Amino acid sequence: MSRHARTVLDSSADPLAGQFDVALLDLDGVVYVGPAAVAGAREHLLEARSMGMRLAYVTNNASRTPDVVADHLRDLGMPAEDGDVVTSAQAAARVMAELVDPGSRVLVVGGEGLRAALVERGLAPVSSADDEPAAVVQGFSPDLGWSLLAEGAYALERGIPWVASNTDLTIPTPRGRAPGNGTFVEVLQRATGRKPVVAGKPETPMHAEAVARTGSRRPLVVGDRLDTDIEGANRADVPSLLVFTGVTDEADVVLATDELRPAFISDDLGGLHHAHPPTREDGQAWVCGAATAHVEDGALSVSVEAPAAHRLDAVRAACAAAWTYGVRRLDPDAVRREMARVLR
């Protein structure tokens, strides 16, 4: 079955950490949110590593260099070496190196992470359109302002290549969702009428960069976003684990269209070393453990014994019922009300 035609979540009696050689872990919303670790993340990652799984931290955030990210991870107690971190800045620099001559000057609309990645590829970062750059690269930086966006617009008017590290519209912070790089990319798109080549998730250059740097042969993508982490995994035709510690909630995954559906789900990174029970068809209904779901007259209905103990069974059953029926035929608001009722 094509991963884009998935109608039920995958099951596994054995821990995923023993089946996949590398976990390609998203960071924001999976390992940490802002400066703080996700509860239990350290313990879950150490357990997965003890089972033989290598950990790689793959982030669409291009603002920081890999060593700075690794320092942050170690400060949080996470098992991480500098070489375990793969950023969208590195993916963007690889793409850029294929578009311009060695040693070319590249205007950086972003932060230090992009500048360091360009230098690693033998390119020369600059900050002004007056430096006659051969291309523009753009990535998130919390300090990005109008002046640098304007430099990007001036340079792009000359028709030179433009690479964006990613186009995430939002990023998770301790105070809620905040504008991401995609918001600033849209500013330049509107100002110039152009569109960039995108390197980060869900585009394939990001996955290729992570696999190349880790040497993985059986990777598992782990993320909290359907439209970047999970879609990126599906585009690369590799399995994925969606965790509910970031921006995606249970109703979101039930309503996911083909290209956004994960292989596995979990409340958190414990899903790397826990079993994933199967979902089976039973007449007109779908059953997972103590949960049953079906769609009748276009309405999703879910029942579960002891919801607090079997909430993920309810989500798995609901996914099978909705995905098989066709999520575009369902009322999204009604699905959200039903999932809220069941999981409250």
C-alpha atoms as a PDB file:
ATOM      1  CA  MET A   1       0.000   0.000   0.000  1.00  0.00           C
ATOM      2  CA  SER A   2       1.245   3.471  -0.854  1.00  0.00           C
ATOM      3  CA  ARG A   3       1.789   5.543   2.262  1.00  0.00           C
ATOM      4  CA  HIS A   4      -0.337   8.242   0.653  1.00  0.00           C
ATOM      5  CA  ALA A   5      -3.298   5.818   0.540  1.00  0.00           C
ATOM      6  CA  ARG A   6      -3.106   4.778   4.207  1.00  0.00           C
ATOM      7  CA  THR A   7      -6.511   3.921   5.692  1.00  0.00           C
ATOM      8  CA  VAL A   8      -5.375   2.544   9.077  1.00  0.00           C
ATOM      9  CA  LEU A   9      -2.425   3.259  11.323  1.00  0.00           C
ATOM     10  CA  ASP A  10       0.353   0.687  11.393  1.00  0.00           C
ATOM     11  CA  SER A  11       0.708  -1.664  14.342  1.00  0.00           C
ATOM     12  CA  SER A  12       3.762  -3.099  16.048  1.00  0.00           C
ATOM     13  CA  ALA A  13       4.012  -5.566  18.919  1.00  0.00           C
ATOM     14  CA  ASP A  14       7.725  -4.760  19.203  1.00  0.00           C
ATOM     15  CA  PRO A  15       9.192  -1.353  20.101  1.00  0.00           C
ATOM     16  CA  LEU A  16       9.946   0.901  17.153  1.00  0.00           C
ATOM     17  CA  ALA A  17      13.402   1.543  18.600  1.00  0.00           C
ATOM     18  CA  GLY A  18      14.329  -2.031  17.759  1.00  0.00           C
ATOM     19  CA  GLN A  19      13.018  -1.863  14.183  1.00  0.00           C
ATOM     20  CA  PHE A  20      14.487   1.398  12.878  1.00  0.00           C
ATOM     21  CA  ASP A  21      18.165   2.336  12.979  1.00  0.00           C
ATOM     22  CA  VAL A  22      17.755   6.112  13.322  1.00  0.00           C
ATOM     23  CA  ALA A  23      15.024   8.317  14.739  1.00  0.00           C
ATOM     24  CA  LEU A  24      14.932  11.558  12.740  1.00  0.00           C
ATOM     25  CA  LEU A  25      13.536  13.723  15.525  1.00  0.00           C
ATOM     26  CA  ASP A  26      11.951  17.090  15.044  1.00  0.00           C
ATOM     27  CA  LEU A  27      12.843  19.466  17.879  1.00  0.00           C
ATOM     28  CA  ASP A  28      10.260  22.211  18.451  1.00  0.00           C
ATOM     29  CA  GLY A  29       7.192  20.558  19.931  1.00  0.00           C
ATOM     30  CA  VAL A  30       8.815  17.105  20.153  1.00  0.00           C
ATOM     31  CA  VAL A  31      11.976  17.355  22.275  1.00  0.00           C
ATOM     32  CA  TYR A  32      11.494  20.879  23.604  1.00  0.00           C
ATOM     33  CA  VAL A  33       9.159  23.840  23.436  1.00  0.00           C
ATOM     34  CA  GLY A  34      11.105  27.086  23.587  1.00  0.00           C
ATOM     35  CA  PRO A  35      13.900  26.727  26.151  1.00  0.00           C
ATOM     36  CA  ALA A  36      12.242  23.908  28.144  1.00  0.00           C
ATOM     37  CA  ALA A  37      12.255  20.164  27.539  1.00  0.00           C
ATOM     38  CA  VAL A  38       9.042  18.307  26.818  1.00  0.00           C
ATOM     39  CA  ALA A  39       8.134  16.315  29.910  1.00  0.00           C
ATOM     40  CA  GLY A  40       9.690  12.843  29.804  1.00  0.00           C
ATOM     41  CA  ALA A  41      11.618  13.446  26.579  1.00  0.00           C
ATOM     42  CA  ARG A  42      15.046  12.793  28.093  1.00  0.00           C
ATOM     43  CA  GLU A  43      14.016   9.491  29.649  1.00  0.00           C
ATOM     44  CA  HIS A  44      12.267   8.291  26.500  1.00  0.00           C
ATOM     45  CA  LEU A  45      15.254   9.138  24.296  1.00  0.00           C
ATOM     46  CA  LEU A  46      17.725   7.460  26.611  1.00  0.00           C
ATOM     47  CA  GLU A  47      15.542   4.345  26.617  1.00  0.00           C
ATOM     48  CA  ALA A  48      15.346   4.325  22.817  1.00  0.00           C
ATOM     49  CA  ARG A  49      19.111   4.747  22.519  1.00  0.00           C
ATOM     50  CA  SER A  50      19.710   1.908  24.991  1.00  0.00           C
ATOM     51  CA  MET A  51      17.749  -0.304  22.595  1.00  0.00           C
ATOM     52  CA  GLY A  52      20.190   0.463  19.780  1.00  0.00           C
ATOM     53  CA  MET A  53      18.418   3.339  18.037  1.00  0.00           C
ATOM     54  CA  ARG A  54      20.557   6.283  16.945  1.00  0.00           C
ATOM     55  CA  LEU A  55      19.098   9.719  17.585  1.00  0.00           C
ATOM     56  CA  ALA A  56      19.297  12.550  15.060  1.00  0.00           C
ATOM     57  CA  TYR A  57      17.735  15.935  15.702  1.00  0.00           C
ATOM     58  CA  VAL A  58      16.266  17.340  12.498  1.00  0.00           C
ATOM     59  CA  THR A  59      14.884  20.852  12.684  1.00  0.00           C
ATOM     60  CA  ASN A  60      13.326  23.278  10.235  1.00  0.00           C
ATOM     61  CA  ASN A  61      14.537  26.138  12.419  1.00  0.00           C
ATOM     62  CA  ALA A  62      17.553  27.633  10.629  1.00  0.00           C
ATOM     63  CA  SER A  63      18.385  30.340  13.160  1.00  0.00           C
ATOM     64  CA  ARG A  64      21.003  28.457  15.212  1.00  0.00           C
ATOM     65  CA  THR A  65      24.093  26.479  14.295  1.00  0.00           C
ATOM     66  CA  PRO A  66      24.188  22.711  15.017  1.00  0.00           C
ATOM     67  CA  ASP A  67      26.672  23.111  17.864  1.00  0.00           C
ATOM     68  CA  VAL A  68      24.486  25.708  19.571  1.00  0.00           C
ATOM     69  CA  VAL A  69      21.446  23.440  19.197  1.00  0.00           C
ATOM     70  CA  ALA A  70      23.444  20.497  20.562  1.00  0.00           C
ATOM     71  CA  ASP A  71      24.569  22.595  23.534  1.00  0.00           C
ATOM     72  CA  HIS A  72      20.941  23.432  24.263  1.00  0.00           C
ATOM     73  CA  LEU A  73      19.999  19.757  24.053  1.00  0.00           C
ATOM     74  CA  ARG A  74      22.801  18.738  26.405  1.00  0.00           C
ATOM     75  CA  ASP A  75      21.795  21.480  28.847  1.00  0.00           C
ATOM     76  CA  LEU A  76      18.374  19.832  28.919  1.00  0.00           C
ATOM     77  CA  GLY A  77      19.984  16.468  29.602  1.00  0.00           C
ATOM     78  CA  MET A  78      19.344  15.054  26.142  1.00  0.00           C
ATOM     79  CA  PRO A  79      21.857  12.626  24.620  1.00  0.00           C
ATOM     80  CA  ALA A  80      23.296  14.695  21.759  1.00  0.00           C
ATOM     81  CA  GLU A  81      26.577  15.322  19.954  1.00  0.00           C
ATOM     82  CA  ASP A  82      27.118  18.233  17.572  1.00  0.00           C
ATOM     83  CA  GLY A  83      26.989  15.872  14.595  1.00  0.00           C
ATOM     84  CA  ASP A  84      23.587  14.559  15.654  1.00  0.00           C
ATOM     85  CA  VAL A  85      21.911  17.848  14.703  1.00  0.00           C
ATOM     86  CA  VAL A  86      20.681  18.435  11.151  1.00  0.00           C
ATOM     87  CA  THR A  87      19.124  21.796  10.278  1.00  0.00           C
ATOM     88  CA  SER A  88      17.169  23.195   7.375  1.00  0.00           C
ATOM     89  CA  ALA A  89      20.011  25.709   7.027  1.00  0.00           C
ATOM     90  CA  GLN A  90      22.312  22.817   6.089  1.00  0.00           C
ATOM     91  CA  ALA A  91      19.766  21.505   3.605  1.00  0.00           C
ATOM     92  CA  ALA A  92      19.355  24.980   2.117  1.00  0.00           C
ATOM     93  CA  ALA A  93      23.133  25.395   1.805  1.00  0.00           C
ATOM     94  CA  ARG A  94      23.406  22.062  -0.016  1.00  0.00           C
ATOM     95  CA  VAL A  95      20.710  23.154  -2.458  1.00  0.00           C
ATOM     96  CA  MET A  96      22.403  26.539  -2.889  1.00  0.00           C
ATOM     97  CA  ALA A  97      25.770  24.927  -3.634  1.00  0.00           C
ATOM     98  CA  GLU A  98      24.122  23.193  -6.589  1.00  0.00           C
ATOM     99  CA  LEU A  99      22.771  26.490  -7.974  1.00  0.00           C
ATOM    100  CA  VAL A 100      25.810  28.789  -7.822  1.00  0.00           C
ATOM    101  CA  ASP A 101      29.547  28.552  -8.424  1.00  0.00           C
ATOM    102  CA  PRO A 102      31.932  27.652  -5.578  1.00  0.00           C
ATOM    103  CA  GLY A 103      32.880  30.688  -3.519  1.00  0.00           C
ATOM    104  CA  SER A 104      29.857  32.708  -4.645  1.00  0.00           C
ATOM    105  CA  ARG A 105      28.490  35.442  -2.437  1.00  0.00           C
ATOM    106  CA  VAL A 106      25.014  34.688  -1.058  1.00  0.00           C
ATOM    107  CA  LEU A 107      22.771  37.241   0.625  1.00  0.00           C
ATOM    108  CA  VAL A 108      21.510  35.842   3.931  1.00  0.00           C
ATOM    109  CA  VAL A 109      18.041  36.906   5.029  1.00  0.00           C
ATOM    110  CA  GLY A 110      18.244  35.122   8.352  1.00  0.00           C
ATOM    111  CA  GLY A 111      20.606  34.311  11.173  1.00  0.00           C
ATOM    112  CA  GLU A 112      23.906  32.700  12.081  1.00  0.00           C
ATOM    113  CA  GLY A 113      22.704  29.182  11.338  1.00  0.00           C
ATOM    114  CA  LEU A 114      22.420  29.988   7.625  1.00  0.00           C
ATOM    115  CA  ARG A 115      25.722  31.833   7.509  1.00  0.00           C
ATOM    116  CA  ALA A 116      27.613  28.923   9.091  1.00  0.00           C
ATOM    117  CA  ALA A 117      25.947  26.407   6.753  1.00  0.00           C
ATOM    118  CA  LEU A 118      26.964  28.433   3.693  1.00  0.00           C
ATOM    119  CA  VAL A 119      30.573  28.629   4.873  1.00  0.00           C
ATOM    120  CA  GLU A 120      30.565  24.848   5.363  1.00  0.00           C
ATOM    121  CA  ARG A 121      29.648  24.549   1.668  1.00  0.00           C
ATOM    122  CA  GLY A 122      32.366  26.957   0.529  1.00  0.00           C
ATOM    123  CA  LEU A 123      30.049  29.914  -0.085  1.00  0.00           C
ATOM    124  CA  ALA A 124      30.434  33.491   1.158  1.00  0.00           C
ATOM    125  CA  PRO A 125      27.539  34.972   3.180  1.00  0.00           C
ATOM    126  CA  VAL A 126      26.816  38.699   2.755  1.00  0.00           C
ATOM    127  CA  SER A 127      24.194  41.053   4.183  1.00  0.00           C
ATOM    128  CA  SER A 128      23.577  43.644   1.458  1.00  0.00           C
ATOM    129  CA  ALA A 129      22.269  43.624  -2.088  1.00  0.00           C
ATOM    130  CA  ASP A 130      25.099  46.069  -2.836  1.00  0.00           C
ATOM    131  CA  ASP A 131      27.555  43.174  -2.357  1.00  0.00           C
ATOM    132  CA  GLU A 132      26.364  41.802  -5.726  1.00  0.00           C
ATOM    133  CA  PRO A 133      25.259  38.396  -4.380  1.00  0.00           C
ATOM    134  CA  ALA A 134      24.757  35.497  -6.772  1.00  0.00           C
ATOM    135  CA  ALA A 135      21.730  34.276  -4.823  1.00  0.00           C
ATOM    136  CA  VAL A 136      19.533  34.841  -1.767  1.00  0.00           C
ATOM    137  CA  VAL A 137      18.956  32.356   1.054  1.00  0.00           C
ATOM    138  CA  GLN A 138      16.270  32.926   3.660  1.00  0.00           C
ATOM    139  CA  GLY A 139      15.635  31.337   7.063  1.00  0.00           C
ATOM    140  CA  PHE A 140      14.076  32.116  10.408  1.00  0.00           C
ATOM    141  CA  SER A 141      15.740  34.480  12.854  1.00  0.00           C
ATOM    142  CA  PRO A 142      14.037  36.095  15.856  1.00  0.00           C
ATOM    143  CA  ASP A 143      15.981  39.270  15.056  1.00  0.00           C
ATOM    144  CA  LEU A 144      14.900  39.512  11.410  1.00  0.00           C
ATOM    145  CA  GLY A 145      13.623  42.996  10.591  1.00  0.00           C
ATOM    146  CA  TRP A 146      12.494  45.217   7.760  1.00  0.00           C
ATOM    147  CA  SER A 147      15.979  46.312   6.714  1.00  0.00           C
ATOM    148  CA  LEU A 148      17.216  42.807   5.913  1.00  0.00           C
ATOM    149  CA  LEU A 149      13.933  41.865   4.244  1.00  0.00           C
ATOM    150  CA  ALA A 150      14.345  44.939   2.082  1.00  0.00           C
ATOM    151  CA  GLU A 151      17.883  43.883   1.111  1.00  0.00           C
ATOM    152  CA  GLY A 152      16.436  40.541   0.059  1.00  0.00           C
ATOM    153  CA  ALA A 153      13.805  42.236  -2.077  1.00  0.00           C
ATOM    154  CA  TYR A 154      16.384  44.479  -3.771  1.00  0.00           C
ATOM    155  CA  ALA A 155      18.561  41.473  -4.624  1.00  0.00           C
ATOM    156  CA  LEU A 156      15.695  39.300  -5.850  1.00  0.00           C
ATOM    157  CA  GLU A 157      14.644  41.986  -8.329  1.00  0.00           C
ATOM    158  CA  ARG A 158      17.758  40.988 -10.320  1.00  0.00           C
ATOM    159  CA  GLY A 159      16.343  37.499 -10.967  1.00  0.00           C
ATOM    160  CA  ILE A 160      18.991  35.605  -8.982  1.00  0.00           C
ATOM    161  CA  PRO A 161      18.199  32.242  -7.316  1.00  0.00           C
ATOM    162  CA  TRP A 162      16.288  32.250  -4.042  1.00  0.00           C
ATOM    163  CA  VAL A 163      16.323  29.363  -1.558  1.00  0.00           C
ATOM    164  CA  ALA A 164      14.219  29.250   1.611  1.00  0.00           C
ATOM    165  CA  SER A 165      15.177  26.982   4.478  1.00  0.00           C
ATOM    166  CA  ASN A 166      11.503  26.253   5.151  1.00  0.00           C
ATOM    167  CA  THR A 167       8.041  27.781   4.939  1.00  0.00           C
ATOM    168  CA  ASP A 168       6.540  26.947   8.349  1.00  0.00           C
ATOM    169  CA  LEU A 169       4.011  29.695   8.994  1.00  0.00           C
ATOM    170  CA  THR A 170       4.244  29.291  12.766  1.00  0.00           C
ATOM    171  CA  ILE A 171       6.631  28.080  15.453  1.00  0.00           C
ATOM    172  CA  PRO A 172       5.643  26.831  18.932  1.00  0.00           C
ATOM    173  CA  THR A 173       6.753  28.947  21.892  1.00  0.00           C
ATOM    174  CA  PRO A 174       5.996  28.735  25.623  1.00  0.00           C
ATOM    175  CA  ARG A 175       3.451  31.546  25.113  1.00  0.00           C
ATOM    176  CA  GLY A 176       1.748  29.958  22.080  1.00  0.00           C
ATOM    177  CA  ARG A 177       2.201  29.965  18.322  1.00  0.00           C
ATOM    178  CA  ALA A 178       4.362  32.707  16.831  1.00  0.00           C
ATOM    179  CA  PRO A 179       5.162  33.701  13.208  1.00  0.00           C
ATOM    180  CA  GLY A 180       7.609  31.341  11.523  1.00  0.00           C
ATOM    181  CA  ASN A 181       9.864  31.655   8.487  1.00  0.00           C
ATOM    182  CA  GLY A 182       6.979  31.065   6.096  1.00  0.00           C
ATOM    183  CA  THR A 183       5.429  34.326   7.228  1.00  0.00           C
ATOM    184  CA  PHE A 184       8.570  36.247   6.245  1.00  0.00           C
ATOM    185  CA  VAL A 185       8.926  34.303   2.998  1.00  0.00           C
ATOM    186  CA  GLU A 186       5.417  35.458   2.099  1.00  0.00           C
ATOM    187  CA  VAL A 187       6.512  39.051   2.673  1.00  0.00           C
ATOM    188  CA  LEU A 188       9.217  38.714   0.007  1.00  0.00           C
ATOM    189  CA  GLN A 189       6.908  36.778  -2.292  1.00  0.00           C
ATOM    190  CA  ARG A 190       4.388  39.606  -2.182  1.00  0.00           C
ATOM    191  CA  ALA A 191       7.093  42.238  -2.597  1.00  0.00           C
ATOM    192  CA  THR A 192       8.806  40.569  -5.555  1.00  0.00           C
ATOM    193  CA  GLY A 193       6.200  38.331  -7.194  1.00  0.00           C
ATOM    194  CA  ARG A 194       8.642  35.409  -6.969  1.00  0.00           C
ATOM    195  CA  LYS A 195       8.685  32.040  -5.200  1.00  0.00           C
ATOM    196  CA  PRO A 196      11.734  30.372  -3.633  1.00  0.00           C
ATOM    197  CA  VAL A 197      13.090  26.872  -3.873  1.00  0.00           C
ATOM    198  CA  VAL A 198      12.294  25.347  -0.481  1.00  0.00           C
ATOM    199  CA  ALA A 199      14.796  23.007   1.192  1.00  0.00           C
ATOM    200  CA  GLY A 200      13.206  22.178   4.549  1.00  0.00           C
ATOM    201  CA  LYS A 201      10.426  19.843   5.564  1.00  0.00           C
ATOM    202  CA  PRO A 202       8.227  18.695   3.909  1.00  0.00           C
ATOM    203  CA  GLU A 203      10.463  19.030   0.842  1.00  0.00           C
ATOM    204  CA  THR A 204      12.786  16.133   0.079  1.00  0.00           C
ATOM    205  CA  PRO A 205      16.161  17.981   0.344  1.00  0.00           C
ATOM    206  CA  MET A 206      15.748  18.077   4.127  1.00  0.00           C
ATOM    207  CA  HIS A 207      15.177  14.331   4.374  1.00  0.00           C
ATOM    208  CA  ALA A 208      18.069  13.648   1.998  1.00  0.00           C
ATOM    209  CA  GLU A 209      20.353  15.841   4.141  1.00  0.00           C
ATOM    210  CA  ALA A 210      19.378  13.972   7.319  1.00  0.00           C
ATOM    211  CA  VAL A 211      19.902  10.556   5.737  1.00  0.00           C
ATOM    212  CA  ALA A 212      23.233  11.599   4.230  1.00  0.00           C
ATOM    213  CA  ARG A 213      24.551  12.935   7.535  1.00  0.00           C
ATOM    214  CA  THR A 214      23.392   9.934   9.591  1.00  0.00           C
ATOM    215  CA  GLY A 215      23.944   7.128   7.099  1.00  0.00           C
ATOM    216  CA  SER A 216      20.517   5.755   8.002  1.00  0.00           C
ATOM    217  CA  ARG A 217      19.142   2.748   6.127  1.00  0.00           C
ATOM    218  CA  ARG A 218      15.885   2.336   8.085  1.00  0.00           C
ATOM    219  CA  PRO A 219      14.896   5.806   9.339  1.00  0.00           C
ATOM    220  CA  LEU A 220      11.811   6.693  11.350  1.00  0.00           C
ATOM    221  CA  VAL A 221      10.644  10.307  11.175  1.00  0.00           C
ATOM    222  CA  VAL A 222       9.305  11.621  14.497  1.00  0.00           C
ATOM    223  CA  GLY A 223       7.399  14.886  14.572  1.00  0.00           C
ATOM    224  CA  ASP A 224       4.475  16.917  15.866  1.00  0.00           C
ATOM    225  CA  ARG A 225       3.376  18.595  12.634  1.00  0.00           C
ATOM    226  CA  LEU A 226       1.332  16.940   9.920  1.00  0.00           C
ATOM    227  CA  ASP A 227       2.200  19.491   7.225  1.00  0.00           C
ATOM    228  CA  THR A 228       5.978  19.318   7.659  1.00  0.00           C
ATOM    229  CA  ASP A 229       7.201  16.259   9.556  1.00  0.00           C
ATOM    230  CA  ILE A 230       4.576  13.743   8.449  1.00  0.00           C
ATOM    231  CA  GLU A 231       4.105  15.033   4.911  1.00  0.00           C
ATOM    232  CA  GLY A 232       7.884  15.092   4.510  1.00  0.00           C
ATOM    233  CA  ALA A 233       8.121  11.467   5.620  1.00  0.00           C
ATOM    234  CA  ASN A 234       5.394  10.449   3.195  1.00  0.00           C
ATOM    235  CA  ARG A 235       7.106  12.250   0.326  1.00  0.00           C
ATOM    236  CA  ALA A 236      10.283  10.317   1.139  1.00  0.00           C
ATOM    237  CA  ASP A 237       8.232   7.097   1.518  1.00  0.00           C
ATOM    238  CA  VAL A 238       9.452   6.363   5.061  1.00  0.00           C
ATOM    239  CA  PRO A 239       7.389   5.590   8.196  1.00  0.00           C
ATOM    240  CA  SER A 240       6.611   8.304  10.734  1.00  0.00           C
ATOM    241  CA  LEU A 241       5.587   8.656  14.367  1.00  0.00           C
ATOM    242  CA  LEU A 242       3.337  11.596  15.258  1.00  0.00           C
ATOM    243  CA  VAL A 243       3.486  12.819  18.859  1.00  0.00           C
ATOM    244  CA  PHE A 244       0.878  15.013  20.552  1.00  0.00           C
ATOM    245  CA  THR A 245       3.299  17.259  22.444  1.00  0.00           C
ATOM    246  CA  GLY A 246       3.318  20.061  19.872  1.00  0.00           C
ATOM    247  CA  VAL A 247       0.876  21.722  17.492  1.00  0.00           C
ATOM    248  CA  THR A 248      -1.169  18.724  16.280  1.00  0.00           C
ATOM    249  CA  ASP A 249      -4.084  17.403  18.318  1.00  0.00           C
ATOM    250  CA  GLU A 250      -6.084  14.181  18.104  1.00  0.00           C
ATOM    251  CA  ALA A 251      -8.850  15.605  15.922  1.00  0.00           C
ATOM    252  CA  ASP A 252      -6.247  16.937  13.467  1.00  0.00           C
ATOM    253  CA  VAL A 253      -4.914  13.447  12.771  1.00  0.00           C
ATOM    254  CA  VAL A 254      -8.410  11.966  12.470  1.00  0.00           C
ATOM    255  CA  LEU A 255      -9.126  14.597   9.808  1.00  0.00           C
ATOM    256  CA  ALA A 256      -5.765  14.182   8.052  1.00  0.00           C
ATOM    257  CA  THR A 257      -5.850  13.797   4.286  1.00  0.00           C
ATOM    258  CA  ASP A 258      -3.835  11.072   2.529  1.00  0.00           C
ATOM    259  CA  GLU A 259      -0.521  12.927   2.308  1.00  0.00           C
ATOM    260  CA  LEU A 260      -0.602  13.934   5.993  1.00  0.00           C
ATOM    261  CA  ARG A 261      -1.229  10.569   7.640  1.00  0.00           C
ATOM    262  CA  PRO A 262       1.402   9.118   9.975  1.00  0.00           C
ATOM    263  CA  ALA A 263       2.244   5.444  10.351  1.00  0.00           C
ATOM    264  CA  PHE A 264       2.147   5.559  14.165  1.00  0.00           C
ATOM    265  CA  ILE A 265       0.844   7.912  16.865  1.00  0.00           C
ATOM    266  CA  SER A 266       1.827   8.456  20.484  1.00  0.00           C
ATOM    267  CA  ASP A 267       1.199  10.914  23.282  1.00  0.00           C
ATOM    268  CA  ASP A 268       4.951  11.552  23.450  1.00  0.00           C
ATOM    269  CA  LEU A 269       8.354  10.047  22.674  1.00  0.00           C
ATOM    270  CA  GLY A 270       7.434   6.999  24.720  1.00  0.00           C
ATOM    271  CA  GLY A 271       6.004   5.775  21.431  1.00  0.00           C
ATOM    272  CA  LEU A 272       9.564   4.819  20.454  1.00  0.00           C
ATOM    273  CA  HIS A 273       9.642   1.996  22.989  1.00  0.00           C
ATOM    274  CA  HIS A 274       5.967   1.130  23.455  1.00  0.00           C
ATOM    275  CA  ALA A 275       3.817  -1.295  21.468  1.00  0.00           C
ATOM    276  CA  HIS A 276       1.339   0.014  18.882  1.00  0.00           C
ATOM    277  CA  PRO A 277      -1.806  -2.144  18.865  1.00  0.00           C
ATOM    278  CA  PRO A 278      -3.592  -3.080  15.633  1.00  0.00           C
ATOM    279  CA  THR A 279      -6.902  -1.693  14.415  1.00  0.00           C
ATOM    280  CA  ARG A 280      -9.303  -4.220  12.893  1.00  0.00           C
ATOM    281  CA  GLU A 281     -12.527  -4.020  10.971  1.00  0.00           C
ATOM    282  CA  ASP A 282     -15.616  -5.472  12.666  1.00  0.00           C
ATOM    283  CA  GLY A 283     -18.638  -5.247  10.422  1.00  0.00           C
ATOM    284  CA  GLN A 284     -19.291  -1.552   9.845  1.00  0.00           C
ATOM    285  CA  ALA A 285     -17.034  -0.507  12.715  1.00  0.00           C
ATOM    286  CA  TRP A 286     -13.323  -0.311  13.477  1.00  0.00           C
ATOM    287  CA  VAL A 287     -11.938  -1.626  16.753  1.00  0.00           C
ATOM    288  CA  CYS A 288      -8.665  -0.949  18.547  1.00  0.00           C
ATOM    289  CA  GLY A 289      -8.290  -2.414  22.004  1.00  0.00           C
ATOM    290  CA  ALA A 290     -11.090  -1.041  24.152  1.00  0.00           C
ATOM    291  CA  ALA A 291     -12.274   1.484  21.536  1.00  0.00           C
ATOM    292  CA  THR A 292     -14.777   1.244  18.679  1.00  0.00           C
ATOM    293  CA  ALA A 293     -15.504   3.806  15.963  1.00  0.00           C
ATOM    294  CA  HIS A 294     -17.785   3.977  12.967  1.00  0.00           C
ATOM    295  CA  VAL A 295     -19.330   6.478  10.573  1.00  0.00           C
ATOM    296  CA  GLU A 296     -23.069   6.449  10.017  1.00  0.00           C
ATOM    297  CA  ASP A 297     -24.907   8.933   7.821  1.00  0.00           C
ATOM    298  CA  GLY A 298     -21.725  10.983   7.633  1.00  0.00           C
ATOM    299  CA  ALA A 299     -21.308  11.254  11.406  1.00  0.00           C
ATOM    300  CA  LEU A 300     -18.307   9.847  13.282  1.00  0.00           C
ATOM    301  CA  SER A 301     -19.116   8.028  16.506  1.00  0.00           C
ATOM    302  CA  VAL A 302     -16.496   6.745  18.963  1.00  0.00           C
ATOM    303  CA  SER A 303     -16.907   4.725  22.142  1.00  0.00           C
ATOM    304  CA  VAL A 304     -14.201   3.623  24.551  1.00  0.00           C
ATOM    305  CA  GLU A 305     -13.995   1.939  27.912  1.00  0.00           C
ATOM    306  CA  ALA A 306     -11.994   3.970  30.439  1.00  0.00           C
ATOM    307  CA  PRO A 307     -10.996   6.799  28.041  1.00  0.00           C
ATOM    308  CA  ALA A 308      -8.147   8.004  30.244  1.00  0.00           C
ATOM    309  CA  ALA A 309      -6.433   4.624  29.968  1.00  0.00           C
ATOM    310  CA  HIS A 310      -7.275   3.934  26.331  1.00  0.00           C
ATOM    311  CA  ARG A 311      -7.376   7.355  24.680  1.00  0.00           C
ATOM    312  CA  LEU A 312      -4.930   6.430  21.913  1.00  0.00           C
ATOM    313  CA  ASP A 313      -7.021   3.346  21.093  1.00  0.00           C
ATOM    314  CA  ALA A 314      -9.927   5.740  20.552  1.00  0.00           C
ATOM    315  CA  VAL A 315      -7.841   7.893  18.229  1.00  0.00           C
ATOM    316  CA  ARG A 316      -6.609   4.865  16.271  1.00  0.00           C
ATOM    317  CA  ALA A 317     -10.129   3.528  15.822  1.00  0.00           C
ATOM    318  CA  ALA A 318     -11.426   6.986  14.862  1.00  0.00           C
ATOM    319  CA  CYS A 319      -8.652   7.373  12.286  1.00  0.00           C
ATOM    320  CA  ALA A 320      -9.545   4.072  10.638  1.00  0.00           C
ATOM    321  CA  ALA A 321     -13.252   4.900  10.510  1.00  0.00           C
ATOM    322  CA  ALA A 322     -12.714   8.430   9.180  1.00  0.00           C
ATOM    323  CA  TRP A 323      -9.927   7.588   6.738  1.00  0.00           C
ATOM    324  CA  THR A 324     -11.848   4.645   5.282  1.00  0.00           C
ATOM    325  CA  TYR A 325     -15.049   6.643   4.936  1.00  0.00           C
ATOM    326  CA  GLY A 326     -13.277   9.694   3.502  1.00  0.00           C
ATOM    327  CA  VAL A 327     -12.384  12.693   5.651  1.00  0.00           C
ATOM    328  CA  ARG A 328     -13.525  15.207   3.037  1.00  0.00           C
ATOM    329  CA  ARG A 329     -17.056  13.831   3.416  1.00  0.00           C
ATOM    330  CA  LEU A 330     -17.089  14.544   7.164  1.00  0.00           C
ATOM    331  CA  ASP A 331     -17.987  17.755   8.988  1.00  0.00           C
ATOM    332  CA  PRO A 332     -14.703  18.845  10.633  1.00  0.00           C
ATOM    333  CA  ASP A 333     -16.472  20.667  13.461  1.00  0.00           C
ATOM    334  CA  ALA A 334     -18.582  17.609  14.250  1.00  0.00           C
ATOM    335  CA  VAL A 335     -15.462  15.418  14.301  1.00  0.00           C
ATOM    336  CA  ARG A 336     -13.757  17.805  16.709  1.00  0.00           C
ATOM    337  CA  ARG A 337     -16.785  17.811  19.000  1.00  0.00           C
ATOM    338  CA  GLU A 338     -16.895  14.008  19.007  1.00  0.00           C
ATOM    339  CA  MET A 339     -13.171  13.645  19.773  1.00  0.00           C
ATOM    340  CA  ALA A 340     -13.425  16.264  22.528  1.00  0.00           C
ATOM    341  CA  ARG A 341     -16.364  14.390  24.039  1.00  0.00           C
ATOM    342  CA  VAL A 342     -14.558  11.063  23.988  1.00  0.00           C
ATOM    343  CA  LEU A 343     -11.187  12.324  25.235  1.00  0.00           C
ATOM    344  CA  ARG A 344     -12.324  14.855  27.846  1.00  0.00           C
END
